[in-house]
N, C-alpha and C. Protein backbone atom coordinates (compact mmCIF):
# COMPACT_ATOMS: atom_id res chain seq x y z
N MET A 1 -50.59 -9.83 27.58
CA MET A 1 -51.01 -10.13 26.22
C MET A 1 -49.90 -10.80 25.44
N LYS A 2 -48.66 -10.43 25.68
CA LYS A 2 -47.56 -10.93 24.87
C LYS A 2 -47.49 -12.45 24.83
N ASN A 3 -47.73 -13.08 25.95
CA ASN A 3 -47.63 -14.54 25.98
C ASN A 3 -48.67 -15.20 25.09
N LYS A 4 -49.88 -14.65 25.07
CA LYS A 4 -50.93 -15.24 24.25
C LYS A 4 -50.65 -15.03 22.77
N ILE A 5 -50.20 -13.84 22.39
CA ILE A 5 -49.90 -13.56 20.98
C ILE A 5 -48.72 -14.41 20.53
N LYS A 6 -47.68 -14.44 21.33
CA LYS A 6 -46.49 -15.24 20.98
C LYS A 6 -46.86 -16.72 20.91
N ALA A 7 -47.64 -17.19 21.87
CA ALA A 7 -48.05 -18.60 21.88
C ALA A 7 -48.85 -18.95 20.63
N LYS A 8 -49.76 -18.07 20.24
CA LYS A 8 -50.55 -18.31 19.03
C LYS A 8 -49.66 -18.32 17.79
N ARG A 9 -48.71 -17.39 17.73
CA ARG A 9 -47.80 -17.32 16.59
C ARG A 9 -47.00 -18.62 16.47
N ILE A 10 -46.49 -19.08 17.58
CA ILE A 10 -45.71 -20.33 17.59
C ILE A 10 -46.61 -21.51 17.24
N GLU A 11 -47.82 -21.49 17.76
CA GLU A 11 -48.78 -22.57 17.50
C GLU A 11 -49.05 -22.74 16.00
N VAL A 12 -49.17 -21.61 15.28
CA VAL A 12 -49.44 -21.69 13.84
C VAL A 12 -48.16 -21.84 13.02
N GLY A 13 -47.00 -21.70 13.67
CA GLY A 13 -45.73 -21.95 13.01
C GLY A 13 -45.13 -20.79 12.23
N TYR A 14 -45.52 -19.57 12.57
CA TYR A 14 -44.98 -18.40 11.89
C TYR A 14 -43.80 -17.80 12.65
N LYS A 15 -42.91 -17.17 11.92
CA LYS A 15 -41.83 -16.38 12.50
C LYS A 15 -42.36 -14.96 12.68
N GLN A 16 -41.70 -14.19 13.57
CA GLN A 16 -42.14 -12.81 13.80
C GLN A 16 -42.16 -12.00 12.51
N TYR A 17 -41.14 -12.15 11.68
CA TYR A 17 -41.07 -11.33 10.46
C TYR A 17 -42.25 -11.62 9.54
N LYS A 18 -42.73 -12.86 9.52
CA LYS A 18 -43.85 -13.23 8.64
C LYS A 18 -45.15 -12.58 9.13
N VAL A 19 -45.39 -12.62 10.43
CA VAL A 19 -46.60 -12.00 10.98
C VAL A 19 -46.54 -10.48 10.76
N ALA A 20 -45.37 -9.89 11.01
CA ALA A 20 -45.20 -8.45 10.79
C ALA A 20 -45.49 -8.09 9.34
N GLU A 21 -45.00 -8.90 8.42
CA GLU A 21 -45.24 -8.68 7.00
C GLU A 21 -46.74 -8.72 6.69
N MET A 22 -47.45 -9.69 7.25
CA MET A 22 -48.89 -9.81 7.03
C MET A 22 -49.65 -8.61 7.61
N LEU A 23 -49.13 -8.06 8.71
CA LEU A 23 -49.76 -6.91 9.34
C LEU A 23 -49.39 -5.60 8.65
N GLY A 24 -48.32 -5.63 7.86
CA GLY A 24 -47.85 -4.41 7.20
C GLY A 24 -47.07 -3.50 8.13
N ILE A 25 -46.40 -4.11 9.13
CA ILE A 25 -45.58 -3.34 10.07
C ILE A 25 -44.18 -3.94 10.10
N SER A 26 -43.25 -3.23 10.72
CA SER A 26 -41.88 -3.74 10.80
C SER A 26 -41.80 -4.89 11.80
N THR A 27 -40.78 -5.70 11.65
CA THR A 27 -40.56 -6.80 12.59
C THR A 27 -40.35 -6.26 13.99
N ARG A 28 -39.61 -5.17 14.11
CA ARG A 28 -39.36 -4.56 15.42
C ARG A 28 -40.67 -4.09 16.06
N HIS A 29 -41.52 -3.50 15.27
CA HIS A 29 -42.83 -3.03 15.76
C HIS A 29 -43.63 -4.23 16.30
N TYR A 30 -43.62 -5.33 15.55
CA TYR A 30 -44.35 -6.52 16.00
C TYR A 30 -43.70 -7.10 17.26
N ALA A 31 -42.38 -7.13 17.30
CA ALA A 31 -41.68 -7.65 18.48
C ALA A 31 -42.06 -6.85 19.72
N ARG A 32 -42.25 -5.56 19.56
CA ARG A 32 -42.66 -4.72 20.70
C ARG A 32 -44.04 -5.12 21.21
N ILE A 33 -44.90 -5.55 20.31
CA ILE A 33 -46.22 -6.03 20.73
C ILE A 33 -46.05 -7.30 21.56
N GLU A 34 -45.25 -8.23 21.05
CA GLU A 34 -45.04 -9.48 21.79
C GLU A 34 -44.33 -9.26 23.12
N ASN A 35 -43.44 -8.27 23.17
CA ASN A 35 -42.67 -7.99 24.39
C ASN A 35 -43.40 -7.05 25.34
N ASN A 36 -44.66 -6.75 25.00
CA ASN A 36 -45.51 -5.90 25.83
C ASN A 36 -44.97 -4.49 25.98
N GLU A 37 -44.22 -4.03 24.98
CA GLU A 37 -43.72 -2.66 24.98
C GLU A 37 -44.74 -1.71 24.36
N ARG A 38 -45.71 -2.25 23.65
CA ARG A 38 -46.80 -1.47 23.09
C ARG A 38 -48.00 -2.37 22.87
N TYR A 39 -49.17 -1.77 22.86
CA TYR A 39 -50.39 -2.53 22.60
C TYR A 39 -50.71 -2.49 21.11
N PRO A 40 -51.23 -3.57 20.57
CA PRO A 40 -51.67 -3.54 19.18
C PRO A 40 -52.90 -2.65 19.04
N THR A 41 -53.05 -2.04 17.89
CA THR A 41 -54.25 -1.25 17.62
C THR A 41 -55.42 -2.20 17.44
N ASN A 42 -56.62 -1.66 17.44
CA ASN A 42 -57.80 -2.51 17.21
C ASN A 42 -57.71 -3.19 15.85
N GLU A 43 -57.23 -2.47 14.84
CA GLU A 43 -57.09 -3.05 13.50
C GLU A 43 -56.05 -4.17 13.50
N GLU A 44 -54.94 -3.96 14.21
CA GLU A 44 -53.91 -5.02 14.30
C GLU A 44 -54.47 -6.24 15.02
N LEU A 45 -55.26 -6.03 16.07
CA LEU A 45 -55.89 -7.15 16.77
C LEU A 45 -56.83 -7.92 15.85
N LYS A 46 -57.60 -7.18 15.07
CA LYS A 46 -58.51 -7.81 14.13
C LYS A 46 -57.72 -8.66 13.12
N GLN A 47 -56.65 -8.10 12.59
CA GLN A 47 -55.82 -8.83 11.63
C GLN A 47 -55.15 -10.04 12.27
N LEU A 48 -54.66 -9.87 13.50
CA LEU A 48 -54.02 -11.00 14.20
C LEU A 48 -55.01 -12.14 14.41
N SER A 49 -56.24 -11.81 14.76
CA SER A 49 -57.24 -12.86 14.97
C SER A 49 -57.52 -13.61 13.67
N LYS A 50 -57.47 -12.91 12.54
CA LYS A 50 -57.64 -13.58 11.24
C LYS A 50 -56.42 -14.44 10.91
N ILE A 51 -55.23 -13.90 11.12
CA ILE A 51 -53.99 -14.64 10.84
C ILE A 51 -53.93 -15.91 11.67
N PHE A 52 -54.27 -15.80 12.96
CA PHE A 52 -54.18 -16.94 13.87
C PHE A 52 -55.46 -17.78 13.89
N LYS A 53 -56.48 -17.35 13.14
CA LYS A 53 -57.77 -18.05 13.08
C LYS A 53 -58.35 -18.28 14.47
N CYS A 54 -58.48 -17.17 15.20
CA CYS A 54 -59.02 -17.23 16.56
C CYS A 54 -59.82 -15.97 16.82
N LYS A 55 -60.45 -15.91 17.99
CA LYS A 55 -61.17 -14.71 18.41
C LYS A 55 -60.18 -13.72 19.01
N LYS A 56 -60.52 -12.45 18.96
CA LYS A 56 -59.65 -11.44 19.58
C LYS A 56 -59.47 -11.75 21.07
N SER A 57 -60.51 -12.23 21.69
CA SER A 57 -60.43 -12.54 23.12
C SER A 57 -59.44 -13.66 23.43
N ASP A 58 -59.12 -14.49 22.42
CA ASP A 58 -58.15 -15.56 22.63
C ASP A 58 -56.73 -15.05 22.74
N ILE A 59 -56.48 -13.83 22.24
CA ILE A 59 -55.12 -13.29 22.29
C ILE A 59 -55.02 -12.05 23.17
N MET A 60 -56.12 -11.69 23.83
CA MET A 60 -56.14 -10.53 24.72
C MET A 60 -56.61 -10.92 26.10
N ASN A 61 -55.96 -10.39 27.11
CA ASN A 61 -56.38 -10.61 28.49
C ASN A 61 -57.29 -9.48 28.93
N LEU A 62 -58.21 -9.77 29.81
CA LEU A 62 -59.12 -8.74 30.34
C LEU A 62 -58.33 -7.64 31.02
N GLU A 63 -57.25 -8.00 31.73
CA GLU A 63 -56.47 -6.97 32.44
C GLU A 63 -55.76 -6.03 31.46
N ASP A 64 -55.51 -6.49 30.23
CA ASP A 64 -54.92 -5.60 29.22
C ASP A 64 -55.87 -4.47 28.90
N VAL A 65 -57.15 -4.80 28.78
CA VAL A 65 -58.15 -3.79 28.48
C VAL A 65 -58.24 -2.80 29.65
N HIS A 66 -58.27 -3.31 30.87
CA HIS A 66 -58.34 -2.45 32.05
C HIS A 66 -57.10 -1.58 32.15
N GLY A 67 -55.95 -2.12 31.81
CA GLY A 67 -54.70 -1.34 31.85
C GLY A 67 -54.74 -0.18 30.89
N GLU A 68 -55.33 -0.36 29.72
CA GLU A 68 -55.43 0.71 28.74
C GLU A 68 -56.38 1.79 29.22
N LEU A 69 -57.40 1.41 29.96
CA LEU A 69 -58.39 2.37 30.40
C LEU A 69 -57.92 3.19 31.60
N SER A 70 -56.93 2.69 32.31
CA SER A 70 -56.45 3.39 33.52
C SER A 70 -55.67 4.62 33.17
């Protein structure tokens, strides 16, 4: 997932701190999402899709969902 989220962030031209600010989380917390150290919550995914103007599926891989269910 990290590559898609990071790629979208770069595509729209935001810095990590700006996206974290929009999500209401710390920059470190957001960096952990991009570095695949933690998964975003459903609410964070919803907000990210609005920030990046894309579908949730555009920033999430199917294997990420399967990994959470295992």
